[in-house]
């Protein structure tokens, strides 16, 4: 059931930009942090998205957004290639 929820979330997020996806994920993380992972009202139980998965997705989206924005995230980084001796 949890895999099905994750697949549905991925399908829903595939139609919006990474920046919009990041806003959705941040809102979901905030909901989990403020209201808890799950709660029960009467006989019904609600379990929110897995916080670990949300944070993983957030990190991935942060990278995509930084890449799309042509940010200076790695502007002072150099790459060196050492070919054999």
C-alpha atoms as a PDB file:
ATOM      1  CA  UNK A   1       0.000   0.000   0.000  1.00  0.00           C
ATOM      2  CA  UNK A   2       2.848   2.392   0.803  1.00  0.00           C
ATOM      3  CA  UNK A   3       4.490   1.689  -2.574  1.00  0.00           C
ATOM      4  CA  UNK A   4       1.189   2.475  -4.272  1.00  0.00           C
ATOM      5  CA  UNK A   5       1.011   5.843  -2.493  1.00  0.00           C
ATOM      6  CA  UNK A   6       4.587   6.653  -3.501  1.00  0.00           C
ATOM      7  CA  UNK A   7       3.846   5.737  -7.130  1.00  0.00           C
ATOM      8  CA  UNK A   8       0.743   7.946  -7.095  1.00  0.00           C
ATOM      9  CA  UNK A   9       2.747  10.835  -5.646  1.00  0.00           C
ATOM     10  CA  UNK A  10       5.420  10.442  -8.327  1.00  0.00           C
ATOM     11  CA  UNK A  11       2.747  10.422 -11.062  1.00  0.00           C
ATOM     12  CA  UNK A  12       1.132  13.561  -9.681  1.00  0.00           C
ATOM     13  CA  UNK A  13       4.466  15.349  -9.372  1.00  0.00           C
ATOM     14  CA  UNK A  14       5.596  14.437 -12.894  1.00  0.00           C
ATOM     15  CA  UNK A  15       3.237  17.051 -14.377  1.00  0.00           C
ATOM     16  CA  UNK A  16       4.727  20.061 -12.581  1.00  0.00           C
ATOM     17  CA  UNK A  17       8.129  21.731 -12.657  1.00  0.00           C
ATOM     18  CA  UNK A  18      10.848  20.771 -10.159  1.00  0.00           C
ATOM     19  CA  UNK A  19      10.389  24.123  -8.399  1.00  0.00           C
ATOM     20  CA  UNK A  20       6.661  23.461  -7.946  1.00  0.00           C
ATOM     21  CA  UNK A  21       7.400  19.885  -6.866  1.00  0.00           C
ATOM     22  CA  UNK A  22       9.785  21.226  -4.240  1.00  0.00           C
ATOM     23  CA  UNK A  23       7.071  23.518  -2.857  1.00  0.00           C
ATOM     24  CA  UNK A  24       4.671  20.548  -2.613  1.00  0.00           C
ATOM     25  CA  UNK A  25       7.280  18.381  -0.891  1.00  0.00           C
ATOM     26  CA  UNK A  26       8.196  21.168   1.534  1.00  0.00           C
ATOM     27  CA  UNK A  27       4.522  21.567   2.447  1.00  0.00           C
ATOM     28  CA  UNK A  28       4.228  17.807   2.999  1.00  0.00           C
ATOM     29  CA  UNK A  29       7.339  17.800   5.217  1.00  0.00           C
ATOM     30  CA  UNK A  30       5.941  20.699   7.242  1.00  0.00           C
ATOM     31  CA  UNK A  31       2.632  18.838   7.681  1.00  0.00           C
ATOM     32  CA  UNK A  32       4.427  15.759   8.998  1.00  0.00           C
ATOM     33  CA  UNK A  33       6.582  17.829  11.351  1.00  0.00           C
ATOM     34  CA  UNK A  34       3.666  19.846  12.708  1.00  0.00           C
ATOM     35  CA  UNK A  35       0.987  17.163  12.828  1.00  0.00           C
ATOM     36  CA  UNK A  36       2.944  13.964  13.227  1.00  0.00           C
ATOM     37  CA  UNK A  37       3.431  10.990  10.940  1.00  0.00           C
ATOM     38  CA  UNK A  38      -0.011   9.543  11.624  1.00  0.00           C
ATOM     39  CA  UNK A  39      -3.063  10.172  13.741  1.00  0.00           C
ATOM     40  CA  UNK A  40      -6.391   8.595  14.575  1.00  0.00           C
ATOM     41  CA  UNK A  41      -9.863  10.126  14.737  1.00  0.00           C
ATOM     42  CA  UNK A  42     -12.425   7.703  16.067  1.00  0.00           C
ATOM     43  CA  UNK A  43     -11.999   4.501  14.100  1.00  0.00           C
ATOM     44  CA  UNK A  44     -10.200   6.145  11.180  1.00  0.00           C
ATOM     45  CA  UNK A  45      -6.435   6.393  10.891  1.00  0.00           C
ATOM     46  CA  UNK A  46      -4.438   8.695   8.622  1.00  0.00           C
ATOM     47  CA  UNK A  47      -0.800   8.111   7.840  1.00  0.00           C
ATOM     48  CA  UNK A  48       1.069  10.859   6.044  1.00  0.00           C
ATOM     49  CA  UNK A  49       3.913  10.343   3.590  1.00  0.00           C
ATOM     50  CA  UNK A  50       7.107   8.825   4.950  1.00  0.00           C
ATOM     51  CA  UNK A  51       9.340  11.640   6.246  1.00  0.00           C
ATOM     52  CA  UNK A  52      12.526   9.863   5.173  1.00  0.00           C
ATOM     53  CA  UNK A  53      11.251   9.561   1.597  1.00  0.00           C
ATOM     54  CA  UNK A  54      10.109  13.182   1.569  1.00  0.00           C
ATOM     55  CA  UNK A  55      13.531  14.402   2.697  1.00  0.00           C
ATOM     56  CA  UNK A  56      15.224  12.218   0.049  1.00  0.00           C
ATOM     57  CA  UNK A  57      12.927  13.663  -2.604  1.00  0.00           C
ATOM     58  CA  UNK A  58      13.528  17.184  -1.282  1.00  0.00           C
ATOM     59  CA  UNK A  59      17.309  16.808  -1.639  1.00  0.00           C
ATOM     60  CA  UNK A  60      16.923  15.510  -5.177  1.00  0.00           C
ATOM     61  CA  UNK A  61      14.604  18.367  -6.132  1.00  0.00           C
ATOM     62  CA  UNK A  62      16.900  20.966  -4.572  1.00  0.00           C
ATOM     63  CA  UNK A  63      19.626  19.746  -6.919  1.00  0.00           C
ATOM     64  CA  UNK A  64      17.317  19.923  -9.936  1.00  0.00           C
ATOM     65  CA  UNK A  65      16.112  23.407  -9.048  1.00  0.00           C
ATOM     66  CA  UNK A  66      19.681  24.623  -8.549  1.00  0.00           C
ATOM     67  CA  UNK A  67      20.636  23.099 -11.904  1.00  0.00           C
ATOM     68  CA  UNK A  68      17.630  24.681 -13.671  1.00  0.00           C
ATOM     69  CA  UNK A  69      18.293  28.095 -12.154  1.00  0.00           C
ATOM     70  CA  UNK A  70      21.900  28.055 -13.410  1.00  0.00           C
ATOM     71  CA  UNK A  71      22.901  28.914  -9.884  1.00  0.00           C
ATOM     72  CA  UNK A  72      26.480  29.420  -8.811  1.00  0.00           C
ATOM     73  CA  UNK A  73      26.347  26.333  -6.608  1.00  0.00           C
ATOM     74  CA  UNK A  74      29.571  24.930  -8.083  1.00  0.00           C
ATOM     75  CA  UNK A  75      30.934  28.085  -9.690  1.00  0.00           C
ATOM     76  CA  UNK A  76      34.219  27.844  -7.782  1.00  0.00           C
ATOM     77  CA  UNK A  77      34.695  24.113  -8.351  1.00  0.00           C
ATOM     78  CA  UNK A  78      37.243  22.661 -10.745  1.00  0.00           C
ATOM     79  CA  UNK A  79      37.689  19.213 -12.161  1.00  0.00           C
ATOM     80  CA  UNK A  80      41.086  17.627 -12.685  1.00  0.00           C
ATOM     81  CA  UNK A  81      41.785  14.519 -14.733  1.00  0.00           C
ATOM     82  CA  UNK A  82      45.012  12.626 -14.159  1.00  0.00           C
ATOM     83  CA  UNK A  83      45.835  10.225 -16.977  1.00  0.00           C
ATOM     84  CA  UNK A  84      48.155   7.359 -15.978  1.00  0.00           C
ATOM     85  CA  UNK A  85      51.865   7.721 -15.380  1.00  0.00           C
END
